[in-house]
Amino acid sequence: MRPNTRKRSKTTSGKVMAAAAALTLGAGGLVVVNVYASAHETSGGNTVKQSQGGVGRAATPAASTIDCPDVGSGLRQVPDQARAEVDRELAALDTQISEAYRRLQSSARAIQQDSGFANNAIMNPLKDKRVATIDRIAVAIGRQGDKPQGLGSLAACTLRAPGSQDGTGNGQEQGQGEGEGQEQGGGQGQPADGGQVAGNGPVAADFVDITSVQPNVAPPRRSKQASRGTFTTRCGVNENKLYNSDNVIVAPGVDNGAHHTHDYVGNQANDAFADNDDFAGGATTCQNQGDRSSYYWPVLRLQDGTEEFDAAQQGGGAEGNTGRILTASEVTLDYVGNARSRVVAMPRFLRIITGDAKAFTNGTANANAAWSCTGFEDRQLTDKYPVCPDGSSLVRTSKFQSCWDGQNADSANHRTHVAFADPKSGACPSGFKAVPQLVQRLVYDVDAPSLDDGGRTSPFYAVDGFPEQMHKPVTDHGDFVNVFDEQLMNKMVQCINTGRKCQ
């Protein structure tokens, strides 16, 4: 890991290459590997009898998982002086889960032969490392403020069988059981025939025909005080091919903090080491040079066997993100108003994350994925990828939080300083102010995958993500750093509040 004060050089192609030495996964979540599961399991993985944190002697091959509580999402108060140290320790938790994941991958035979191997050689050492790291996080916070209590309860991880945990609490993926389609399309790390890339998803059960979905979009009714205008900024589709696997919001100063590759439009200075001065002075792809904001999202890949520039790198192929990177044919960035009130200006350098990159394991509390097809955008999917009919293109839409606490440009868990308006009334929570809402719409021209043969005839597409998240559509997310200049932000606010359409 590089020190926070050191900038990373960029290649002449404009791509920022991730350089983390270890395969890191995420401070919390399920890690999927192929080991031999308990003989008490059914082939679908929906009935499990095993001891806490252990794996029984097995006769049936299945995928086992490591489930660790997500420490970062539980941190509500981190003093500014402690944030850099806390970020580094959260990254260390990621590395520890990574090491356990890699050990499980290479230990299938040992686990088959010795039912205690997983606990003794993997799970117990992992817990010991996490105890020490979590204690360092508590101490770092305690030096500057009140030391958090109870974090130690987040140290223990559990080895689970498939279907027994996905963050939703019901032992199944939303919509369909996790046992369906496991062997198709190279899912769960198994190599597939017909040129498919070995990986950890998606599977056929992750897709649904959009024409079979009922309309489900119901916008809130606007009051007389609603702000009805729209401001559009045009920033391209990442023609510059600026990619990296950093996340300057969640993991500043940490290489490969996202563990998946991002597309970037707008500000071209964004990497793990960018600060507000870098953003203020960075070049922008936006037509209006008053918008130097950074808009970024995980790339979408076609799992066709293509070896991209990051095929052997962290964030790319080394972490299960394989196949041809698809560039959106259209990127629309609109700012809209509030259904109940006027909006106020966003603070400069406001940071917003929408959605949850770990929603498959964390649960859906922060999930905000919205998948659809052109011509069918009154039907939005959270937990499925759509199969679009001929003549229709794939659409990813992210509606960002539009209520601000009036004080902070960021927060310890990168969420509590902003909020969503009430979905029915459109009102912001008490103490929050309505700000222009970013609506990001990405359109892709990609052929519908062939589900009957596991994507062999027409390959699956999938969003990049943490390996343990299995490329589930529910993990889609977007990131935004506001770097509008004051004059253009004021123009946006006036435009929205007066009901006009501007750019």
Protein backbone atom coordinates (compact mmCIF):
# COMPACT_ATOMS: atom_id res chain seq x y z
CA MET A 1 0.00 0.00 0.00
CA ARG A 2 1.36 3.38 -0.90
CA PRO A 3 1.57 6.22 1.62
CA ASN A 4 -1.22 8.76 1.43
CA THR A 5 1.07 11.59 0.41
CA ARG A 6 2.41 9.90 -2.69
CA LYS A 7 0.80 10.35 -6.09
CA ARG A 8 0.64 7.48 -8.52
CA SER A 9 1.81 8.01 -12.09
CA LYS A 10 -0.54 7.46 -15.01
CA THR A 11 0.23 5.73 -18.30
CA THR A 12 0.26 7.70 -21.52
CA SER A 13 -3.03 6.07 -22.49
CA GLY A 14 -4.67 7.80 -19.55
CA LYS A 15 -5.40 4.55 -17.71
CA VAL A 16 -4.58 4.43 -14.02
CA MET A 17 -3.25 0.96 -13.24
CA ALA A 18 -4.07 -0.62 -9.91
CA ALA A 19 -0.95 -1.83 -8.10
CA ALA A 20 -2.11 -3.56 -4.94
CA ALA A 21 0.01 -6.60 -4.18
CA ALA A 22 -2.69 -8.70 -2.53
CA LEU A 23 -6.06 -9.91 -3.76
CA THR A 24 -8.44 -7.99 -1.53
CA LEU A 25 -12.16 -8.50 -1.35
CA GLY A 26 -14.04 -6.40 1.15
CA ALA A 27 -14.30 -5.74 4.87
CA GLY A 28 -17.51 -7.71 5.02
CA GLY A 29 -19.28 -10.25 2.93
CA LEU A 30 -19.42 -13.72 1.50
CA VAL A 31 -16.34 -15.20 -0.14
CA VAL A 32 -17.21 -17.88 -2.66
CA VAL A 33 -14.89 -20.78 -3.29
CA ASN A 34 -15.14 -24.40 -4.32
CA VAL A 35 -14.72 -26.76 -1.40
CA TYR A 36 -16.51 -29.94 -0.39
CA ALA A 37 -19.62 -29.24 1.63
CA SER A 38 -21.30 -31.28 4.31
CA ALA A 39 -22.93 -34.55 3.32
CA HIS A 40 -26.09 -33.19 5.00
CA GLU A 41 -26.50 -30.53 2.33
CA THR A 42 -28.88 -30.88 -0.54
CA SER A 43 -27.48 -30.37 -4.01
CA GLY A 44 -29.15 -26.95 -4.18
CA GLY A 45 -27.55 -25.83 -0.95
CA ASN A 46 -30.85 -24.93 0.72
CA THR A 47 -30.62 -27.44 3.58
CA VAL A 48 -27.48 -27.30 5.69
CA LYS A 49 -26.38 -29.03 8.86
CA GLN A 50 -22.97 -27.93 10.08
CA SER A 51 -21.24 -26.51 13.12
CA GLN A 52 -20.63 -22.78 13.57
CA GLY A 53 -17.80 -21.73 11.31
CA GLY A 54 -17.03 -25.25 10.20
CA VAL A 55 -17.36 -27.56 7.22
CA GLY A 56 -18.22 -31.23 7.55
CA ARG A 57 -16.53 -34.09 5.69
CA ALA A 58 -18.09 -33.98 2.27
CA ALA A 59 -19.18 -36.11 -0.60
CA THR A 60 -21.03 -33.41 -2.56
CA PRO A 61 -19.02 -30.58 -4.17
CA ALA A 62 -20.51 -27.16 -3.55
CA ALA A 63 -19.48 -23.56 -3.00
CA SER A 64 -18.73 -22.50 0.56
CA THR A 65 -18.62 -18.93 1.76
CA ILE A 66 -16.96 -16.82 4.45
CA ASP A 67 -19.38 -14.34 5.98
CA CYS A 68 -17.73 -11.45 7.87
CA PRO A 69 -19.61 -8.46 9.33
CA ASP A 70 -18.95 -5.23 7.46
CA VAL A 71 -17.09 -3.01 9.93
CA GLY A 72 -16.91 0.12 7.79
CA SER A 73 -20.64 0.52 7.30
CA GLY A 74 -21.15 0.50 11.08
CA LEU A 75 -18.85 3.44 11.81
CA ARG A 76 -21.07 6.46 12.37
CA GLN A 77 -18.58 8.84 14.03
CA VAL A 78 -14.92 9.00 12.99
CA PRO A 79 -13.02 12.20 13.89
CA ASP A 80 -11.38 13.87 10.93
CA GLN A 81 -7.94 13.39 12.49
CA ALA A 82 -8.48 9.62 12.66
CA ARG A 83 -9.99 9.00 9.24
CA ALA A 84 -6.77 8.25 7.33
CA GLU A 85 -5.69 5.64 9.89
CA VAL A 86 -9.17 4.11 10.03
CA ASP A 87 -9.29 3.88 6.23
CA ARG A 88 -5.98 2.01 6.22
CA GLU A 89 -7.19 -0.45 8.86
CA LEU A 90 -10.44 -1.06 6.97
CA ALA A 91 -8.30 -1.87 3.94
CA ALA A 92 -6.34 -4.31 6.11
CA LEU A 93 -9.60 -6.11 6.93
CA ASP A 94 -10.15 -6.46 3.20
CA THR A 95 -6.72 -8.02 2.80
CA GLN A 96 -7.34 -10.49 5.61
CA ILE A 97 -10.53 -11.77 4.01
CA SER A 98 -8.64 -11.98 0.74
CA GLU A 99 -6.01 -14.20 2.28
CA ALA A 100 -8.69 -16.45 3.75
CA TYR A 101 -10.41 -16.64 0.38
CA ARG A 102 -7.20 -17.64 -1.38
CA ARG A 103 -6.48 -20.26 1.29
CA LEU A 104 -9.92 -21.77 0.84
CA GLN A 105 -9.43 -21.87 -2.93
CA SER A 106 -6.27 -23.92 -2.52
CA SER A 107 -7.49 -26.12 0.33
CA ALA A 108 -10.43 -28.06 -1.09
CA ARG A 109 -8.67 -31.41 -0.74
CA ALA A 110 -7.48 -30.69 2.80
CA ILE A 111 -10.99 -29.67 3.84
CA GLN A 112 -12.40 -32.83 2.30
CA GLN A 113 -9.96 -34.97 4.27
CA ASP A 114 -10.14 -33.08 7.58
CA SER A 115 -13.41 -31.55 8.78
CA GLY A 116 -11.51 -29.34 11.24
CA PHE A 117 -9.08 -27.89 8.71
CA ALA A 118 -11.19 -24.89 7.74
CA ASN A 119 -11.68 -23.81 11.36
CA ASN A 120 -8.14 -24.47 12.54
CA ALA A 121 -6.21 -23.22 9.53
CA ILE A 122 -8.45 -20.50 8.14
CA MET A 123 -11.37 -19.31 10.26
CA ASN A 124 -9.70 -19.04 13.67
CA PRO A 125 -6.58 -17.24 12.35
CA LEU A 126 -8.84 -14.89 10.40
CA LYS A 127 -10.74 -14.01 13.55
CA ASP A 128 -7.51 -13.34 15.47
CA LYS A 129 -6.30 -10.95 12.77
CA ARG A 130 -9.62 -9.16 12.67
CA VAL A 131 -9.69 -8.77 16.46
CA ALA A 132 -6.34 -6.98 16.36
CA THR A 133 -7.28 -4.76 13.42
CA ILE A 134 -10.67 -3.80 14.82
CA ASP A 135 -9.01 -2.92 18.12
CA ARG A 136 -6.63 -0.60 16.26
CA ILE A 137 -9.63 1.10 14.65
CA ALA A 138 -11.23 1.64 18.06
CA VAL A 139 -7.98 2.99 19.51
CA ALA A 140 -7.48 5.38 16.57
CA ILE A 141 -10.96 6.80 17.04
CA GLY A 142 -10.53 6.91 20.83
CA ARG A 143 -7.40 9.08 20.58
CA GLN A 144 -9.50 11.87 19.08
CA GLY A 145 -12.89 11.27 20.65
CA ASP A 146 -15.06 8.68 22.33
CA LYS A 147 -13.74 5.17 21.82
CA PRO A 148 -16.44 3.06 20.14
CA GLN A 149 -17.72 0.11 22.14
CA GLY A 150 -18.76 -3.29 20.88
CA LEU A 151 -16.74 -3.38 17.67
CA GLY A 152 -15.11 -6.59 18.82
CA SER A 153 -18.36 -8.43 18.20
CA LEU A 154 -17.76 -7.90 14.48
CA ALA A 155 -14.56 -9.93 14.42
CA ALA A 156 -15.94 -13.46 14.03
CA CYS A 157 -16.68 -14.75 10.54
CA THR A 158 -18.74 -17.78 9.57
CA LEU A 159 -18.15 -20.42 6.95
CA ARG A 160 -21.45 -21.08 5.26
CA ALA A 161 -22.90 -23.16 2.47
CA PRO A 162 -24.58 -21.59 -0.59
CA GLY A 163 -28.15 -20.42 -0.07
CA SER A 164 -27.74 -20.09 3.70
CA GLN A 165 -26.83 -16.40 3.66
CA ASP A 166 -27.06 -13.60 1.15
CA GLY A 167 -27.73 -10.60 3.34
CA THR A 168 -31.49 -10.70 2.89
CA GLY A 169 -32.04 -13.06 5.80
CA ASN A 170 -34.14 -15.56 3.88
CA GLY A 171 -31.48 -17.88 2.57
CA GLN A 172 -32.26 -17.06 -1.05
CA GLU A 173 -31.36 -14.45 -3.54
CA GLN A 174 -34.15 -12.00 -4.16
CA GLY A 175 -36.54 -13.39 -6.70
CA GLN A 176 -35.09 -16.88 -7.11
CA GLY A 177 -33.22 -19.41 -5.01
CA GLU A 178 -29.46 -19.34 -5.16
CA GLY A 179 -29.26 -23.00 -6.15
CA GLU A 180 -30.65 -22.32 -9.61
CA GLY A 181 -28.31 -22.16 -12.57
CA GLN A 182 -25.14 -22.57 -10.55
CA GLU A 183 -23.29 -24.56 -13.17
CA GLN A 184 -24.15 -22.32 -16.07
CA GLY A 185 -21.97 -19.68 -17.64
CA GLY A 186 -18.89 -20.37 -15.56
CA GLY A 187 -20.59 -19.43 -12.28
CA GLN A 188 -18.99 -20.18 -8.90
CA GLY A 189 -15.48 -20.33 -10.28
CA GLN A 190 -16.05 -23.34 -12.54
CA PRO A 191 -14.60 -23.16 -16.05
CA ALA A 192 -17.25 -23.20 -18.75
CA ASP A 193 -17.22 -24.72 -22.21
CA GLY A 194 -17.50 -22.80 -25.44
CA GLY A 195 -14.93 -20.15 -24.65
CA GLN A 196 -16.66 -18.75 -21.58
CA VAL A 197 -14.46 -17.20 -18.94
CA ALA A 198 -14.12 -18.98 -15.62
CA GLY A 199 -15.43 -16.70 -12.91
CA ASN A 200 -17.78 -16.25 -10.00
CA GLY A 201 -20.96 -15.32 -11.82
CA PRO A 202 -23.37 -14.27 -13.06
CA VAL A 203 -25.66 -17.26 -13.65
CA ALA A 204 -28.77 -17.67 -15.78
CA ALA A 205 -31.01 -17.09 -12.75
CA ASP A 206 -29.64 -13.52 -12.52
CA PHE A 207 -31.46 -12.56 -15.75
CA VAL A 208 -35.12 -12.01 -16.58
CA ASP A 209 -37.03 -11.11 -19.76
CA ILE A 210 -37.98 -7.45 -19.35
CA THR A 211 -41.25 -8.04 -21.20
CA SER A 212 -42.37 -10.34 -18.38
CA VAL A 213 -41.93 -7.59 -15.77
CA GLN A 214 -44.92 -5.46 -14.79
CA PRO A 215 -44.60 -1.64 -14.76
CA ASN A 216 -43.45 -0.61 -11.29
CA VAL A 217 -42.38 3.04 -11.46
CA ALA A 218 -44.59 5.43 -9.51
CA PRO A 219 -43.04 8.91 -9.03
CA PRO A 220 -44.28 10.95 -6.05
CA ARG A 221 -47.07 13.43 -6.67
CA ARG A 222 -45.74 16.97 -6.92
CA SER A 223 -47.03 19.75 -4.71
CA LYS A 224 -47.49 23.36 -5.76
CA GLN A 225 -44.15 24.16 -4.15
CA ALA A 226 -42.28 21.54 -6.21
CA SER A 227 -39.13 22.50 -8.11
CA ARG A 228 -39.84 21.22 -11.62
CA GLY A 229 -36.86 22.27 -13.72
CA THR A 230 -34.03 20.18 -15.18
CA PHE A 231 -30.36 20.95 -15.65
CA THR A 232 -28.34 18.73 -18.00
CA THR A 233 -24.57 18.46 -18.11
CA ARG A 234 -22.90 16.66 -21.02
CA CYS A 235 -19.65 14.92 -20.13
CA GLY A 236 -19.19 12.14 -22.72
CA VAL A 237 -19.08 8.37 -22.30
CA ASN A 238 -15.44 7.86 -21.20
CA GLU A 239 -14.00 8.18 -24.69
CA ASN A 240 -10.65 8.83 -22.96
CA LYS A 241 -10.80 5.32 -21.47
CA LEU A 242 -9.84 6.53 -18.02
CA TYR A 243 -10.06 3.44 -15.81
CA ASN A 244 -8.84 2.53 -12.35
CA SER A 245 -9.89 0.27 -9.50
CA ASP A 246 -9.64 2.98 -6.81
CA ASN A 247 -12.41 4.65 -4.84
CA VAL A 248 -11.33 8.05 -3.56
CA ILE A 249 -14.52 8.38 -1.48
CA VAL A 250 -14.44 5.09 0.41
CA ALA A 251 -10.70 4.36 0.36
CA PRO A 252 -8.68 7.56 -0.13
CA GLY A 253 -4.96 6.89 -0.39
CA VAL A 254 -5.44 3.14 -0.92
CA ASP A 255 -4.58 1.48 -4.22
CA ASN A 256 -7.33 -0.77 -5.58
CA GLY A 257 -9.78 0.35 -2.92
CA ALA A 258 -12.76 -0.55 -5.11
CA HIS A 259 -11.54 -4.03 -6.15
CA HIS A 260 -13.27 -3.50 -9.49
CA THR A 261 -12.67 -1.20 -12.44
CA HIS A 262 -14.48 2.12 -12.81
CA ASP A 263 -15.49 4.20 -15.81
CA TYR A 264 -14.90 7.94 -15.29
CA VAL A 265 -16.44 10.96 -16.97
CA GLY A 266 -16.03 14.57 -15.98
CA ASN A 267 -12.98 15.24 -13.82
CA GLN A 268 -9.87 13.47 -15.12
CA ALA A 269 -7.81 13.78 -11.93
CA ASN A 270 -9.72 11.13 -10.00
CA ASP A 271 -7.68 8.36 -8.45
CA ALA A 272 -7.10 7.14 -4.89
CA PHE A 273 -4.73 10.01 -4.13
CA ALA A 274 -6.79 12.93 -5.46
CA ASP A 275 -7.70 15.64 -2.98
CA ASN A 276 -9.95 18.67 -3.34
CA ASP A 277 -7.15 20.76 -4.84
CA ASP A 278 -6.58 18.08 -7.47
CA PHE A 279 -10.27 18.06 -8.32
CA ALA A 280 -10.40 21.87 -8.46
CA GLY A 281 -7.51 21.94 -10.94
CA GLY A 282 -8.36 18.81 -12.90
CA ALA A 283 -9.33 18.79 -16.54
CA THR A 284 -12.93 17.83 -17.34
CA THR A 285 -14.65 16.05 -20.22
CA CYS A 286 -17.81 18.06 -19.56
CA GLN A 287 -18.77 20.50 -22.30
CA ASN A 288 -19.43 23.22 -19.75
CA GLN A 289 -16.05 23.77 -18.12
CA GLY A 290 -17.77 25.05 -15.00
CA ASP A 291 -18.58 21.41 -14.21
CA ARG A 292 -15.42 19.66 -13.03
CA SER A 293 -17.40 17.10 -11.06
CA SER A 294 -16.36 13.44 -11.08
CA TYR A 295 -18.93 10.85 -12.15
CA TYR A 296 -17.87 7.22 -11.92
CA TRP A 297 -19.38 3.74 -11.87
CA PRO A 298 -18.27 0.09 -12.15
CA VAL A 299 -17.69 -0.95 -15.74
CA LEU A 300 -19.99 -3.41 -17.47
CA ARG A 301 -18.27 -6.38 -19.13
CA LEU A 302 -19.26 -8.89 -21.77
CA GLN A 303 -18.03 -12.29 -20.64
CA ASP A 304 -16.78 -13.31 -24.08
CA GLY A 305 -13.22 -14.34 -23.20
CA THR A 306 -11.62 -11.03 -24.19
CA GLU A 307 -8.45 -10.22 -22.23
CA GLU A 308 -8.66 -6.56 -21.35
CA PHE A 309 -5.74 -4.39 -20.23
CA ASP A 310 -6.48 -5.39 -16.62
CA ALA A 311 -6.83 -9.14 -17.23
CA ALA A 312 -3.97 -9.94 -14.85
CA GLN A 313 -4.40 -6.98 -12.50
CA GLN A 314 -6.07 -6.40 -9.18
CA GLY A 315 -9.49 -4.96 -9.76
CA GLY A 316 -9.65 -6.83 -13.05
CA GLY A 317 -9.08 -10.46 -13.91
CA ALA A 318 -7.15 -11.22 -10.72
CA GLU A 319 -10.35 -10.50 -8.80
CA GLY A 320 -12.79 -12.22 -11.13
CA ASN A 321 -13.70 -9.20 -13.28
CA THR A 322 -13.18 -10.63 -16.74
CA GLY A 323 -14.25 -10.02 -20.31
CA ARG A 324 -14.58 -7.10 -22.69
CA ILE A 325 -15.29 -3.72 -21.11
CA LEU A 326 -18.41 -2.21 -22.68
CA THR A 327 -18.48 1.54 -23.19
CA ALA A 328 -21.92 3.10 -22.86
CA SER A 329 -23.36 4.38 -26.12
CA GLU A 330 -25.05 7.16 -24.19
CA VAL A 331 -24.51 8.80 -20.80
CA THR A 332 -27.13 11.26 -19.58
CA LEU A 333 -26.50 13.35 -16.46
CA ASP A 334 -29.59 15.28 -15.41
CA TYR A 335 -30.20 17.26 -12.23
CA VAL A 336 -33.85 17.47 -11.21
CA GLY A 337 -35.84 19.12 -8.44
CA ASN A 338 -37.80 18.07 -5.38
CA ALA A 339 -41.48 17.10 -5.42
CA ARG A 340 -42.25 19.17 -2.31
CA SER A 341 -39.92 22.16 -2.24
CA ARG A 342 -37.34 24.36 -3.85
CA VAL A 343 -33.72 23.17 -3.88
CA VAL A 344 -30.58 24.79 -2.47
CA ALA A 345 -27.04 24.66 -3.82
CA MET A 346 -24.89 21.62 -3.10
CA PRO A 347 -21.68 22.35 -1.20
CA ARG A 348 -18.57 22.12 -3.36
CA PHE A 349 -16.79 18.75 -3.00
CA LEU A 350 -19.94 17.06 -1.72
CA ARG A 351 -19.42 13.30 -2.03
CA ILE A 352 -22.31 10.90 -2.65
CA ILE A 353 -22.37 7.13 -3.08
CA THR A 354 -25.62 5.63 -4.25
CA GLY A 355 -26.29 1.91 -4.07
CA ASP A 356 -24.13 -0.67 -2.31
CA ALA A 357 -21.28 -2.58 -3.95
CA LYS A 358 -21.77 -5.29 -1.28
CA ALA A 359 -25.56 -5.44 -1.33
CA PHE A 360 -25.59 -9.19 -2.05
CA THR A 361 -23.97 -9.85 1.34
CA ASN A 362 -24.87 -6.69 3.28
CA GLY A 363 -28.55 -6.92 2.42
CA THR A 364 -30.62 -4.44 0.48
CA ALA A 365 -30.91 -1.53 2.92
CA ASN A 366 -28.65 0.64 0.74
CA ALA A 367 -29.27 -1.07 -2.60
CA ASN A 368 -30.29 1.33 -5.36
CA ALA A 369 -29.70 -0.60 -8.56
CA ALA A 370 -32.16 0.08 -11.40
CA TRP A 371 -31.80 -2.03 -14.57
CA SER A 372 -34.13 -1.72 -17.55
CA CYS A 373 -34.33 -1.53 -21.35
CA THR A 374 -35.14 1.32 -23.71
CA GLY A 375 -38.87 1.36 -24.37
CA PHE A 376 -39.52 -0.37 -21.04
CA GLU A 377 -38.17 2.13 -18.50
CA ASP A 378 -41.42 2.10 -16.55
CA ARG A 379 -40.14 -1.34 -15.40
CA GLN A 380 -37.06 -1.15 -13.18
CA LEU A 381 -35.19 -4.17 -11.78
CA THR A 382 -33.02 -4.23 -8.67
CA ASP A 383 -32.04 -7.88 -8.31
CA LYS A 384 -32.08 -9.04 -11.93
CA TYR A 385 -30.36 -8.13 -15.18
CA PRO A 386 -32.89 -7.53 -17.97
CA VAL A 387 -32.97 -9.48 -21.22
CA CYS A 388 -34.00 -6.84 -23.74
CA PRO A 389 -35.96 -7.63 -26.93
CA ASP A 390 -34.61 -6.91 -30.41
CA GLY A 391 -34.29 -3.21 -31.05
CA SER A 392 -34.07 -2.35 -27.33
CA SER A 393 -30.89 -1.38 -25.47
CA LEU A 394 -29.81 -2.07 -21.89
CA VAL A 395 -30.24 0.83 -19.42
CA ARG A 396 -28.63 1.41 -15.99
CA THR A 397 -30.16 4.28 -14.00
CA SER A 398 -28.84 5.71 -10.74
CA LYS A 399 -30.91 8.28 -8.85
CA PHE A 400 -28.67 9.82 -6.22
CA GLN A 401 -29.65 11.01 -2.76
CA SER A 402 -31.18 14.49 -2.96
CA CYS A 403 -31.38 15.58 0.69
CA TRP A 404 -28.35 17.09 2.45
CA ASP A 405 -27.78 17.62 6.17
CA GLY A 406 -26.80 21.25 5.55
CA GLN A 407 -23.35 20.90 7.11
CA ASN A 408 -21.14 18.08 5.87
CA ALA A 409 -19.65 17.26 2.47
CA ASP A 410 -18.99 13.68 3.61
CA SER A 411 -19.54 11.44 6.65
CA ALA A 412 -17.74 8.59 8.39
CA ASN A 413 -19.68 5.88 6.56
CA HIS A 414 -20.13 8.12 3.48
CA ARG A 415 -23.93 7.93 3.78
CA THR A 416 -25.41 9.75 6.77
CA HIS A 417 -24.70 13.29 5.48
CA VAL A 418 -27.19 12.72 2.66
CA ALA A 419 -30.54 10.96 2.39
CA PHE A 420 -33.28 10.09 -0.05
CA ALA A 421 -36.53 11.99 -0.13
CA ASP A 422 -39.55 10.01 1.03
CA PRO A 423 -40.60 7.86 -1.97
CA LYS A 424 -44.30 8.66 -1.48
CA SER A 425 -44.39 12.27 -0.33
CA GLY A 426 -41.12 13.48 -1.84
CA ALA A 427 -40.21 15.29 1.39
CA CYS A 428 -36.69 15.32 2.86
CA PRO A 429 -36.15 14.00 6.40
CA SER A 430 -36.29 16.47 9.26
CA GLY A 431 -33.14 18.60 9.39
CA PHE A 432 -32.22 17.95 5.73
CA LYS A 433 -32.41 20.33 2.80
CA ALA A 434 -33.39 19.43 -0.76
CA VAL A 435 -30.55 19.74 -3.28
CA PRO A 436 -30.59 19.05 -7.04
CA GLN A 437 -30.89 15.30 -7.59
CA LEU A 438 -28.41 13.71 -9.97
CA VAL A 439 -30.09 11.17 -12.27
CA GLN A 440 -27.44 9.20 -14.13
CA ARG A 441 -28.59 7.10 -17.10
CA LEU A 442 -26.25 4.75 -18.99
CA VAL A 443 -27.30 3.03 -22.22
CA TYR A 444 -25.48 -0.02 -23.67
CA ASP A 445 -25.89 -1.69 -27.05
CA VAL A 446 -25.35 -5.32 -26.04
CA ASP A 447 -26.95 -8.46 -27.42
CA ALA A 448 -29.38 -10.34 -25.20
CA PRO A 449 -27.58 -13.28 -23.53
CA SER A 450 -28.57 -16.86 -24.28
CA LEU A 451 -29.86 -18.30 -21.02
CA ASP A 452 -30.65 -21.82 -22.18
CA ASP A 453 -26.99 -22.65 -22.79
CA GLY A 454 -25.45 -20.54 -20.03
CA GLY A 455 -24.34 -17.73 -22.32
CA ARG A 456 -22.35 -19.87 -24.72
CA THR A 457 -24.16 -18.72 -27.87
CA SER A 458 -24.52 -15.11 -26.74
CA PRO A 459 -22.37 -14.24 -23.69
CA PHE A 460 -23.64 -12.98 -20.37
CA TYR A 461 -22.89 -9.40 -19.42
CA ALA A 462 -22.14 -8.43 -15.81
CA VAL A 463 -21.28 -5.45 -13.67
CA ASP A 464 -17.81 -5.38 -12.11
CA GLY A 465 -17.71 -5.98 -8.38
CA PHE A 466 -16.05 -7.54 -5.37
CA PRO A 467 -15.42 -11.25 -6.10
CA GLU A 468 -17.58 -12.43 -3.22
CA GLN A 469 -20.54 -10.49 -4.59
CA MET A 470 -20.75 -12.86 -7.60
CA HIS A 471 -21.51 -10.02 -10.03
CA LYS A 472 -25.08 -9.80 -8.77
CA PRO A 473 -27.10 -6.99 -10.37
CA VAL A 474 -28.20 -5.74 -6.93
CA THR A 475 -24.61 -4.55 -6.30
CA ASP A 476 -24.70 -1.85 -8.98
CA HIS A 477 -23.81 1.60 -7.65
CA GLY A 478 -22.54 5.03 -8.59
CA ASP A 479 -20.23 7.69 -7.15
CA PHE A 480 -20.22 11.46 -7.47
CA VAL A 481 -17.97 14.29 -6.31
CA ASN A 482 -19.47 17.76 -6.85
CA VAL A 483 -16.97 20.16 -8.39
CA PHE A 484 -19.33 22.69 -9.99
CA ASP A 485 -18.10 26.25 -9.75
CA GLU A 486 -20.31 28.59 -7.74
CA GLN A 487 -21.70 30.45 -10.75
CA LEU A 488 -22.82 27.32 -12.58
CA MET A 489 -24.25 25.73 -9.43
CA ASN A 490 -26.32 28.86 -8.79
CA LYS A 491 -27.53 28.75 -12.40
CA MET A 492 -28.57 25.12 -11.90
CA VAL A 493 -30.50 25.92 -8.73
CA GLN A 494 -32.28 28.87 -10.34
CA CYS A 495 -33.13 26.83 -13.41
CA ILE A 496 -34.61 23.97 -11.39
CA ASN A 497 -36.54 26.22 -9.02
CA THR A 498 -38.09 28.20 -11.86
CA GLY A 499 -39.18 25.12 -13.79
CA ARG A 500 -36.93 25.56 -16.84
CA LYS A 501 -34.79 23.15 -18.83
CA CYS A 502 -31.19 24.27 -18.97
CA GLN A 503 -27.68 23.06 -19.71
